Amino acid sequence: MFKYGPEYQYGATAMRDLYRVEVENFHSPLAVGLYVLAMVVVGCHLWHGVASSCQSLGLSGPRFTPFIRKTGKAFAVLIAVGFIAIAVWVFLVGARS
């Protein structure tokens, strides 16, 4: 969307306004719903993937595993909720600001 999206005229120059593109894309409840669903899937993937990737790198054992699992789950929630919050905020408030 951002690389091949529309260009807007600002005086004599045409440029991509990423904020405007985002507001236009997240104006639709369907687009926001699909984006939220995709971020939930990404969060579920990270929920398992962070700890699994650390294990693949050899950072496993009774001393490290509980910390890595907790940190991975917190990271997964933070990433998913952060991106969901952006889309929901743009849908609810973004066009008015």
PDB file of N, CA and C in Angstrom:
ATOM      1  N   MET A   1       0.815  -1.193   0.000  1.00  0.00           N
ATOM      2  CA  MET A   1       0.000   0.000   0.000  1.00  0.00           C
ATOM      3  C   MET A   1       0.857   1.254   0.000  1.00  0.00           C
ATOM      4  N   PHE A   2       1.941   1.223   0.760  1.00  0.00           N
ATOM      5  CA  PHE A   2       2.729   2.434   0.887  1.00  0.00           C
ATOM      6  C   PHE A   2       3.650   2.653  -0.299  1.00  0.00           C
ATOM      7  N   LYS A   3       4.204   1.582  -0.838  1.00  0.00           N
ATOM      8  CA  LYS A   3       5.153   1.730  -1.933  1.00  0.00           C
ATOM      9  C   LYS A   3       4.466   2.067  -3.246  1.00  0.00           C
ATOM     10  N   TYR A   4       3.346   1.424  -3.518  1.00  0.00           N
ATOM     11  CA  TYR A   4       2.658   1.619  -4.794  1.00  0.00           C
ATOM     12  C   TYR A   4       1.339   2.358  -4.639  1.00  0.00           C
ATOM     13  N   GLY A   5       1.122   2.985  -3.502  1.00  0.00           N
ATOM     14  CA  GLY A   5      -0.116   3.697  -3.251  1.00  0.00           C
ATOM     15  C   GLY A   5      -0.219   4.980  -4.047  1.00  0.00           C
ATOM     16  N   PRO A   6      -1.315   5.678  -3.865  1.00  0.00           N
ATOM     17  CA  PRO A   6      -1.533   6.908  -4.637  1.00  0.00           C
ATOM     18  C   PRO A   6      -0.578   8.024  -4.225  1.00  0.00           C
ATOM     19  N   GLU A   7      -0.346   8.901  -5.173  1.00  0.00           N
ATOM     20  CA  GLU A   7       0.435  10.107  -4.899  1.00  0.00           C
ATOM     21  C   GLU A   7      -0.529  11.283  -4.849  1.00  0.00           C
ATOM     22  N   TYR A   8      -0.264  12.211  -3.963  1.00  0.00           N
ATOM     23  CA  TYR A   8      -1.130  13.371  -3.775  1.00  0.00           C
ATOM     24  C   TYR A   8      -0.364  14.627  -4.162  1.00  0.00           C
ATOM     25  N   GLN A   9      -1.063  15.543  -4.760  1.00  0.00           N
ATOM     26  CA  GLN A   9      -0.457  16.809  -5.190  1.00  0.00           C
ATOM     27  C   GLN A   9      -0.368  17.755  -4.000  1.00  0.00           C
ATOM     28  N   TYR A  10       0.810  18.264  -3.763  1.00  0.00           N
ATOM     29  CA  TYR A  10       1.053  19.299  -2.772  1.00  0.00           C
ATOM     30  C   TYR A  10       1.824  20.403  -3.483  1.00  0.00           C
ATOM     31  N   GLY A  11       1.101  21.361  -3.975  1.00  0.00           N
ATOM     32  CA  GLY A  11       1.728  22.416  -4.764  1.00  0.00           C
ATOM     33  C   GLY A  11       2.159  21.860  -6.103  1.00  0.00           C
ATOM     34  N   ALA A  12       3.428  22.021  -6.424  1.00  0.00           N
ATOM     35  CA  ALA A  12       3.936  21.565  -7.718  1.00  0.00           C
ATOM     36  C   ALA A  12       4.467  20.131  -7.666  1.00  0.00           C
ATOM     37  N   THR A  13       4.559  19.556  -6.476  1.00  0.00           N
ATOM     38  CA  THR A  13       5.134  18.220  -6.355  1.00  0.00           C
ATOM     39  C   THR A  13       4.075  17.190  -5.978  1.00  0.00           C
ATOM     40  N   ALA A  14       4.279  15.983  -6.482  1.00  0.00           N
ATOM     41  CA  ALA A  14       3.427  14.857  -6.114  1.00  0.00           C
ATOM     42  C   ALA A  14       4.216  13.974  -5.161  1.00  0.00           C
ATOM     43  N   MET A  15       3.611  13.604  -4.045  1.00  0.00           N
ATOM     44  CA  MET A  15       4.297  12.760  -3.071  1.00  0.00           C
ATOM     45  C   MET A  15       3.304  11.842  -2.381  1.00  0.00           C
ATOM     46  N   ARG A  16       3.843  10.836  -1.738  1.00  0.00           N
ATOM     47  CA  ARG A  16       3.007   9.910  -0.979  1.00  0.00           C
ATOM     48  C   ARG A  16       2.864  10.452   0.445  1.00  0.00           C
ATOM     49  N   ASP A  17       1.639  10.583   0.873  1.00  0.00           N
ATOM     50  CA  ASP A  17       1.337  10.996   2.238  1.00  0.00           C
ATOM     51  C   ASP A  17       0.933   9.732   2.996  1.00  0.00           C
ATOM     52  N   LEU A  18       1.863   9.166   3.752  1.00  0.00           N
ATOM     53  CA  LEU A  18       1.629   7.878   4.389  1.00  0.00           C
ATOM     54  C   LEU A  18       0.515   7.938   5.424  1.00  0.00           C
ATOM     55  N   TYR A  19       0.387   9.032   6.134  1.00  0.00           N
ATOM     56  CA  TYR A  19      -0.705   9.173   7.099  1.00  0.00           C
ATOM     57  C   TYR A  19      -2.049   9.137   6.372  1.00  0.00           C
ATOM     58  N   ARG A  20      -2.159   9.869   5.285  1.00  0.00           N
ATOM     59  CA  ARG A  20      -3.409   9.904   4.526  1.00  0.00           C
ATOM     60  C   ARG A  20      -3.735   8.538   3.932  1.00  0.00           C
ATOM     61  N   VAL A  21      -2.720   7.828   3.430  1.00  0.00           N
ATOM     62  CA  VAL A  21      -2.934   6.485   2.888  1.00  0.00           C
ATOM     63  C   VAL A  21      -3.444   5.552   3.984  1.00  0.00           C
ATOM     64  N   GLU A  22      -2.850   5.648   5.164  1.00  0.00           N
ATOM     65  CA  GLU A  22      -3.281   4.803   6.269  1.00  0.00           C
ATOM     66  C   GLU A  22      -4.706   5.125   6.698  1.00  0.00           C
ATOM     67  N   VAL A  23      -5.036   6.397   6.796  1.00  0.00           N
ATOM     68  CA  VAL A  23      -6.399   6.788   7.169  1.00  0.00           C
ATOM     69  C   VAL A  23      -7.398   6.293   6.128  1.00  0.00           C
ATOM     70  N   GLU A  24      -7.059   6.404   4.856  1.00  0.00           N
ATOM     71  CA  GLU A  24      -7.962   5.929   3.808  1.00  0.00           C
ATOM     72  C   GLU A  24      -8.124   4.414   3.842  1.00  0.00           C
ATOM     73  N   ASN A  25      -7.046   3.690   4.104  1.00  0.00           N
ATOM     74  CA  ASN A  25      -7.124   2.238   4.136  1.00  0.00           C
ATOM     75  C   ASN A  25      -7.877   1.724   5.356  1.00  0.00           C
ATOM     76  N   PHE A  26      -7.698   2.357   6.499  1.00  0.00           N
ATOM     77  CA  PHE A  26      -8.368   1.917   7.719  1.00  0.00           C
ATOM     78  C   PHE A  26      -9.694   2.622   7.954  1.00  0.00           C
ATOM     79  N   HIS A  27     -10.242   3.238   6.939  1.00  0.00           N
ATOM     80  CA  HIS A  27     -11.573   3.840   7.034  1.00  0.00           C
ATOM     81  C   HIS A  27     -12.656   2.762   7.001  1.00  0.00           C
ATOM     82  N   SER A  28     -12.371   1.662   6.352  1.00  0.00           N
ATOM     83  CA  SER A  28     -13.328   0.563   6.201  1.00  0.00           C
ATOM     84  C   SER A  28     -13.284  -0.370   7.408  1.00  0.00           C
ATOM     85  N   PRO A  29     -14.441  -0.671   8.004  1.00  0.00           N
ATOM     86  CA  PRO A  29     -14.452  -1.624   9.117  1.00  0.00           C
ATOM     87  C   PRO A  29     -13.979  -3.017   8.693  1.00  0.00           C
ATOM     88  N   LEU A  30     -14.231  -3.387   7.452  1.00  0.00           N
ATOM     89  CA  LEU A  30     -13.786  -4.682   6.957  1.00  0.00           C
ATOM     90  C   LEU A  30     -12.250  -4.737   6.912  1.00  0.00           C
ATOM     91  N   ALA A  31     -11.626  -3.687   6.424  1.00  0.00           N
ATOM     92  CA  ALA A  31     -10.162  -3.640   6.365  1.00  0.00           C
ATOM     93  C   ALA A  31      -9.567  -3.699   7.769  1.00  0.00           C
ATOM     94  N   VAL A  32     -10.153  -2.981   8.710  1.00  0.00           N
ATOM     95  CA  VAL A  32      -9.666  -2.995  10.088  1.00  0.00           C
ATOM     96  C   VAL A  32      -9.853  -4.382  10.696  1.00  0.00           C
ATOM     97  N   GLY A  33     -10.998  -4.997  10.453  1.00  0.00           N
ATOM     98  CA  GLY A  33     -11.251  -6.334  10.972  1.00  0.00           C
ATOM     99  C   GLY A  33     -10.267  -7.369  10.443  1.00  0.00           C
ATOM    100  N   LEU A  34      -9.994  -7.311   9.150  1.00  0.00           N
ATOM    101  CA  LEU A  34      -9.026  -8.242   8.565  1.00  0.00           C
ATOM    102  C   LEU A  34      -7.622  -7.982   9.097  1.00  0.00           C
ATOM    103  N   TYR A  35      -7.282  -6.727   9.272  1.00  0.00           N
ATOM    104  CA  TYR A  35      -5.968  -6.382   9.816  1.00  0.00           C
ATOM    105  C   TYR A  35      -5.835  -6.875  11.255  1.00  0.00           C
ATOM    106  N   VAL A  36      -6.873  -6.681  12.056  1.00  0.00           N
ATOM    107  CA  VAL A  36      -6.849  -7.150  13.444  1.00  0.00           C
ATOM    108  C   VAL A  36      -6.719  -8.667  13.477  1.00  0.00           C
ATOM    109  N   LEU A  37      -7.458  -9.355  12.633  1.00  0.00           N
ATOM    110  CA  LEU A  37      -7.359 -10.811  12.551  1.00  0.00           C
ATOM    111  C   LEU A  37      -5.934 -11.233  12.181  1.00  0.00           C
ATOM    112  N   ALA A  38      -5.342 -10.555  11.220  1.00  0.00           N
ATOM    113  CA  ALA A  38      -3.970 -10.868  10.812  1.00  0.00           C
ATOM    114  C   ALA A  38      -2.993 -10.636  11.964  1.00  0.00           C
ATOM    115  N   MET A  39      -3.184  -9.578  12.742  1.00  0.00           N
ATOM    116  CA  MET A  39      -2.285  -9.314  13.866  1.00  0.00           C
ATOM    117  C   MET A  39      -2.471 -10.326  14.990  1.00  0.00           C
ATOM    118  N   VAL A  40      -3.681 -10.843  15.159  1.00  0.00           N
ATOM    119  CA  VAL A  40      -3.904 -11.906  16.136  1.00  0.00           C
ATOM    120  C   VAL A  40      -3.147 -13.163  15.704  1.00  0.00           C
ATOM    121  N   VAL A  41      -3.173 -13.458  14.411  1.00  0.00           N
ATOM    122  CA  VAL A  41      -2.429 -14.606  13.891  1.00  0.00           C
ATOM    123  C   VAL A  41      -0.924 -14.395  14.092  1.00  0.00           C
ATOM    124  N   VAL A  42      -0.430 -13.192  13.818  1.00  0.00           N
ATOM    125  CA  VAL A  42       0.984 -12.891  14.036  1.00  0.00           C
ATOM    126  C   VAL A  42       1.333 -13.046  15.518  1.00  0.00           C
ATOM    127  N   GLY A  43       0.465 -12.573  16.394  1.00  0.00           N
ATOM    128  CA  GLY A  43       0.698 -12.717  17.834  1.00  0.00           C
ATOM    129  C   GLY A  43       0.755 -14.173  18.266  1.00  0.00           C
ATOM    130  N   CYS A  44      -0.145 -14.991  17.728  1.00  0.00           N
ATOM    131  CA  CYS A  44      -0.119 -16.427  18.045  1.00  0.00           C
ATOM    132  C   CYS A  44       1.153 -17.079  17.527  1.00  0.00           C
ATOM    133  N   HIS A  45       1.583 -16.669  16.374  1.00  0.00           N
ATOM    134  CA  HIS A  45       2.817 -17.206  15.800  1.00  0.00           C
ATOM    135  C   HIS A  45       4.019 -16.816  16.667  1.00  0.00           C
ATOM    136  N   LEU A  46       4.072 -15.562  17.094  1.00  0.00           N
ATOM    137  CA  LEU A  46       5.166 -15.111  17.946  1.00  0.00           C
ATOM    138  C   LEU A  46       5.102 -15.746  19.338  1.00  0.00           C
ATOM    139  N   TRP A  47       3.897 -16.032  19.813  1.00  0.00           N
ATOM    140  CA  TRP A  47       3.706 -16.646  21.134  1.00  0.00           C
ATOM    141  C   TRP A  47       4.565 -17.905  21.249  1.00  0.00           C
ATOM    142  N   HIS A  48       4.571 -18.680  20.197  1.00  0.00           N
ATOM    143  CA  HIS A  48       5.372 -19.902  20.165  1.00  0.00           C
ATOM    144  C   HIS A  48       6.756 -19.651  19.568  1.00  0.00           C
ATOM    145  N   GLY A  49       6.831 -18.798  18.585  1.00  0.00           N
ATOM    146  CA  GLY A  49       8.032 -18.666  17.787  1.00  0.00           C
ATOM    147  C   GLY A  49       9.228 -18.072  18.496  1.00  0.00           C
ATOM    148  N   VAL A  50       9.023 -17.137  19.405  1.00  0.00           N
ATOM    149  CA  VAL A  50      10.153 -16.509  20.079  1.00  0.00           C
ATOM    150  C   VAL A  50      10.898 -17.536  20.927  1.00  0.00           C
ATOM    151  N   ALA A  51      10.173 -18.277  21.737  1.00  0.00           N
ATOM    152  CA  ALA A  51      10.812 -19.295  22.578  1.00  0.00           C
ATOM    153  C   ALA A  51      11.426 -20.397  21.723  1.00  0.00           C
ATOM    154  N   SER A  52      10.737 -20.761  20.657  1.00  0.00           N
ATOM    155  CA  SER A  52      11.253 -21.807  19.780  1.00  0.00           C
ATOM    156  C   SER A  52      12.531 -21.367  19.075  1.00  0.00           C
ATOM    157  N   SER A  53      12.595 -20.115  18.654  1.00  0.00           N
ATOM    158  CA  SER A  53      13.808 -19.635  17.986  1.00  0.00           C
ATOM    159  C   SER A  53      14.985 -19.582  18.957  1.00  0.00           C
ATOM    160  N   CYS A  54      14.723 -19.213  20.203  1.00  0.00           N
ATOM    161  CA  CYS A  54      15.797 -19.214  21.197  1.00  0.00           C
ATOM    162  C   CYS A  54      16.288 -20.641  21.460  1.00  0.00           C
ATOM    163  N   GLN A  55      15.369 -21.586  21.488  1.00  0.00           N
ATOM    164  CA  GLN A  55      15.751 -22.978  21.668  1.00  0.00           C
ATOM    165  C   GLN A  55      16.597 -23.462  20.488  1.00  0.00           C
ATOM    166  N   SER A  56      16.227 -23.044  19.288  1.00  0.00           N
ATOM    167  CA  SER A  56      16.997 -23.421  18.104  1.00  0.00           C
ATOM    168  C   SER A  56      18.409 -22.853  18.145  1.00  0.00           C
ATOM    169  N   LEU A  57      18.570 -21.709  18.797  1.00  0.00           N
ATOM    170  CA  LEU A  57      19.893 -21.095  18.920  1.00  0.00           C
ATOM    171  C   LEU A  57      20.695 -21.665  20.087  1.00  0.00           C
ATOM    172  N   GLY A  58      20.109 -22.599  20.816  1.00  0.00           N
ATOM    173  CA  GLY A  58      20.808 -23.247  21.915  1.00  0.00           C
ATOM    174  C   GLY A  58      20.628 -22.569  23.256  1.00  0.00           C
ATOM    175  N   LEU A  59      19.689 -21.628  23.342  1.00  0.00           N
ATOM    176  CA  LEU A  59      19.440 -20.925  24.601  1.00  0.00           C
ATOM    177  C   LEU A  59      18.314 -21.590  25.370  1.00  0.00           C
ATOM    178  N   SER A  60      18.497 -22.860  25.653  1.00  0.00           N
ATOM    179  CA  SER A  60      17.473 -23.571  26.406  1.00  0.00           C
ATOM    180  C   SER A  60      18.130 -24.255  27.594  1.00  0.00           C
ATOM    181  N   GLY A  61      17.312 -24.599  28.518  1.00  0.00           N
ATOM    182  CA  GLY A  61      17.787 -25.256  29.723  1.00  0.00           C
ATOM    183  C   GLY A  61      16.907 -24.863  30.876  1.00  0.00           C
ATOM    184  N   PRO A  62      17.027 -25.548  31.965  1.00  0.00           N
ATOM    185  CA  PRO A  62      16.119 -25.272  33.096  1.00  0.00           C
ATOM    186  C   PRO A  62      16.286 -23.864  33.663  1.00  0.00           C
ATOM    187  N   ARG A  63      17.444 -23.281  33.461  1.00  0.00           N
ATOM    188  CA  ARG A  63      17.692 -21.946  34.009  1.00  0.00           C
ATOM    189  C   ARG A  63      17.111 -20.849  33.120  1.00  0.00           C
ATOM    190  N   PHE A  64      17.218 -21.007  31.799  1.00  0.00           N
ATOM    191  CA  PHE A  64      16.809 -19.954  30.873  1.00  0.00           C
ATOM    192  C   PHE A  64      15.390 -20.102  30.341  1.00  0.00           C
ATOM    193  N   THR A  65      14.905 -21.314  30.195  1.00  0.00           N
ATOM    194  CA  THR A  65      13.638 -21.565  29.505  1.00  0.00           C
ATOM    195  C   THR A  65      12.450 -20.818  30.103  1.00  0.00           C
ATOM    196  N   PRO A  66      12.233 -20.826  31.429  1.00  0.00           N
ATOM    197  CA  PRO A  66      11.062 -20.084  31.953  1.00  0.00           C
ATOM    198  C   PRO A  66      11.112 -18.590  31.629  1.00  0.00           C
ATOM    199  N   PHE A  67      12.290 -17.995  31.740  1.00  0.00           N
ATOM    200  CA  PHE A  67      12.426 -16.575  31.426  1.00  0.00           C
ATOM    201  C   PHE A  67      12.178 -16.308  29.946  1.00  0.00           C
ATOM    202  N   ILE A  68      12.731 -17.147  29.093  1.00  0.00           N
ATOM    203  CA  ILE A  68      12.565 -16.976  27.646  1.00  0.00           C
ATOM    204  C   ILE A  68      11.098 -17.117  27.260  1.00  0.00           C
ATOM    205  N   ARG A  69      10.410 -18.084  27.834  1.00  0.00           N
ATOM    206  CA  ARG A  69       8.984 -18.264  27.517  1.00  0.00           C
ATOM    207  C   ARG A  69       8.156 -17.059  27.948  1.00  0.00           C
ATOM    208  N   LYS A  70       8.398 -16.566  29.157  1.00  0.00           N
ATOM    209  CA  LYS A  70       7.653 -15.395  29.643  1.00  0.00           C
ATOM    210  C   LYS A  70       7.951 -14.162  28.799  1.00  0.00           C
ATOM    211  N   THR A  71       9.212 -13.973  28.482  1.00  0.00           N
ATOM    212  CA  THR A  71       9.604 -12.826  27.665  1.00  0.00           C
ATOM    213  C   THR A  71       9.015 -12.934  26.262  1.00  0.00           C
ATOM    214  N   GLY A  72       9.032 -14.119  25.685  1.00  0.00           N
ATOM    215  CA  GLY A  72       8.465 -14.328  24.352  1.00  0.00           C
ATOM    216  C   GLY A  72       6.975 -14.063  24.305  1.00  0.00           C
ATOM    217  N   LYS A  73       6.272 -14.508  25.319  1.00  0.00           N
ATOM    218  CA  LYS A  73       4.825 -14.270  25.369  1.00  0.00           C
ATOM    219  C   LYS A  73       4.516 -12.787  25.562  1.00  0.00           C
ATOM    220  N   ALA A  74       5.287 -12.125  26.406  1.00  0.00           N
ATOM    221  CA  ALA A  74       5.088 -10.682  26.594  1.00  0.00           C
ATOM    222  C   ALA A  74       5.390  -9.927  25.305  1.00  0.00           C
ATOM    223  N   PHE A  75       6.451 -10.322  24.615  1.00  0.00           N
ATOM    224  CA  PHE A  75       6.803  -9.712  23.338  1.00  0.00           C
ATOM    225  C   PHE A  75       5.698  -9.912  22.312  1.00  0.00           C
ATOM    226  N   ALA A  76       5.143 -11.121  22.242  1.00  0.00           N
ATOM    227  CA  ALA A  76       4.069 -11.424  21.291  1.00  0.00           C
ATOM    228  C   ALA A  76       2.841 -10.559  21.551  1.00  0.00           C
ATOM    229  N   VAL A  77       2.464 -10.443  22.806  1.00  0.00           N
ATOM    230  CA  VAL A  77       1.297  -9.626  23.155  1.00  0.00           C
ATOM    231  C   VAL A  77       1.562  -8.158  22.857  1.00  0.00           C
ATOM    232  N   LEU A  78       2.737  -7.673  23.197  1.00  0.00           N
ATOM    233  CA  LEU A  78       3.085  -6.278  22.967  1.00  0.00           C
ATOM    234  C   LEU A  78       3.047  -5.926  21.480  1.00  0.00           C
ATOM    235  N   ILE A  79       3.629  -6.767  20.651  1.00  0.00           N
ATOM    236  CA  ILE A  79       3.649  -6.510  19.214  1.00  0.00           C
ATOM    237  C   ILE A  79       2.234  -6.539  18.647  1.00  0.00           C
ATOM    238  N   ALA A  80       1.471  -7.590  18.954  1.00  0.00           N
ATOM    239  CA  ALA A  80       0.117  -7.718  18.396  1.00  0.00           C
ATOM    240  C   ALA A  80      -0.793  -6.587  18.871  1.00  0.00           C
ATOM    241  N   VAL A  81      -0.798  -6.320  20.156  1.00  0.00           N
ATOM    242  CA  VAL A  81      -1.668  -5.261  20.697  1.00  0.00           C
ATOM    243  C   VAL A  81      -1.240  -3.891  20.188  1.00  0.00           C
ATOM    244  N   GLY A  82       0.053  -3.675  20.060  1.00  0.00           N
ATOM    245  CA  GLY A  82       0.535  -2.386  19.546  1.00  0.00           C
ATOM    246  C   GLY A  82       0.061  -2.106  18.133  1.00  0.00           C
ATOM    247  N   PHE A  83       0.181  -3.096  17.255  1.00  0.00           N
ATOM    248  CA  PHE A  83      -0.260  -2.889  15.878  1.00  0.00           C
ATOM    249  C   PHE A  83      -1.787  -2.822  15.775  1.00  0.00           C
ATOM    250  N   ILE A  84      -2.490  -3.593  16.593  1.00  0.00           N
ATOM    251  CA  ILE A  84      -3.956  -3.529  16.604  1.00  0.00           C
ATOM    252  C   ILE A  84      -4.409  -2.149  17.075  1.00  0.00           C
ATOM    253  N   ALA A  85      -3.743  -1.616  18.092  1.00  0.00           N
ATOM    254  CA  ALA A  85      -4.124  -0.299  18.621  1.00  0.00           C
ATOM    255  C   ALA A  85      -3.984   0.789  17.563  1.00  0.00           C
ATOM    256  N   ILE A  86      -2.953   0.695  16.739  1.00  0.00           N
ATOM    257  CA  ILE A  86      -2.779   1.686  15.676  1.00  0.00           C
ATOM    258  C   ILE A  86      -3.956   1.653  14.712  1.00  0.00           C
ATOM    259  N   ALA A  87      -4.328   0.458  14.250  1.00  0.00           N
ATOM    260  CA  ALA A  87      -5.425   0.340  13.292  1.00  0.00           C
ATOM    261  C   ALA A  87      -6.749   0.798  13.887  1.00  0.00           C
ATOM    262  N   VAL A  88      -7.013   0.404  15.116  1.00  0.00           N
ATOM    263  CA  VAL A  88      -8.279   0.791  15.758  1.00  0.00           C
ATOM    264  C   VAL A  88      -8.305   2.291  16.005  1.00  0.00           C
ATOM    265  N   TRP A  89      -7.183   2.873  16.438  1.00  0.00           N
ATOM    266  CA  TRP A  89      -7.143   4.321  16.658  1.00  0.00           C
ATOM    267  C   TRP A  89      -7.397   5.074  15.371  1.00  0.00           C
ATOM    268  N   VAL A  90      -6.756   4.655  14.289  1.00  0.00           N
ATOM    269  CA  VAL A  90      -6.957   5.331  12.997  1.00  0.00           C
ATOM    270  C   VAL A  90      -8.411   5.213  12.573  1.00  0.00           C
ATOM    271  N   PHE A  91      -9.019   4.070  12.791  1.00  0.00           N
ATOM    272  CA  PHE A  91     -10.420   3.882  12.407  1.00  0.00           C
ATOM    273  C   PHE A  91     -11.343   4.783  13.243  1.00  0.00           C
ATOM    274  N   LEU A  92     -11.099   4.885  14.527  1.00  0.00           N
ATOM    275  CA  LEU A  92     -11.992   5.631  15.406  1.00  0.00           C
ATOM    276  C   LEU A  92     -11.708   7.134  15.439  1.00  0.00           C
ATOM    277  N   VAL A  93     -10.427   7.519  15.401  1.00  0.00           N
ATOM    278  CA  VAL A  93     -10.062   8.904  15.640  1.00  0.00           C
ATOM    279  C   VAL A  93      -9.273   9.525  14.502  1.00  0.00           C
ATOM    280  N   GLY A  94      -8.533   8.721  13.760  1.00  0.00           N
ATOM    281  CA  GLY A  94      -7.559   9.220  12.806  1.00  0.00           C
ATOM    282  C   GLY A  94      -8.067  10.210  11.781  1.00  0.00           C
ATOM    283  N   ALA A  95      -9.241  10.000  11.252  1.00  0.00           N
ATOM    284  CA  ALA A  95      -9.758  10.891  10.216  1.00  0.00           C
ATOM    285  C   ALA A  95     -10.157  12.252  10.775  1.00  0.00           C
ATOM    286  N   ARG A  96     -10.411  12.315  12.059  1.00  0.00           N
ATOM    287  CA  ARG A  96     -10.843  13.574  12.667  1.00  0.00           C
ATOM    288  C   ARG A  96      -9.698  14.434  13.153  1.00  0.00           C
ATOM    289  N   SER A  97      -8.506  13.847  13.282  1.00  0.00           N
ATOM    290  CA  SER A  97      -7.402  14.647  13.853  1.00  0.00           C
ATOM    291  C   SER A  97      -6.641  15.383  12.772  1.00  0.00           C
TER     292      SER A  97
END
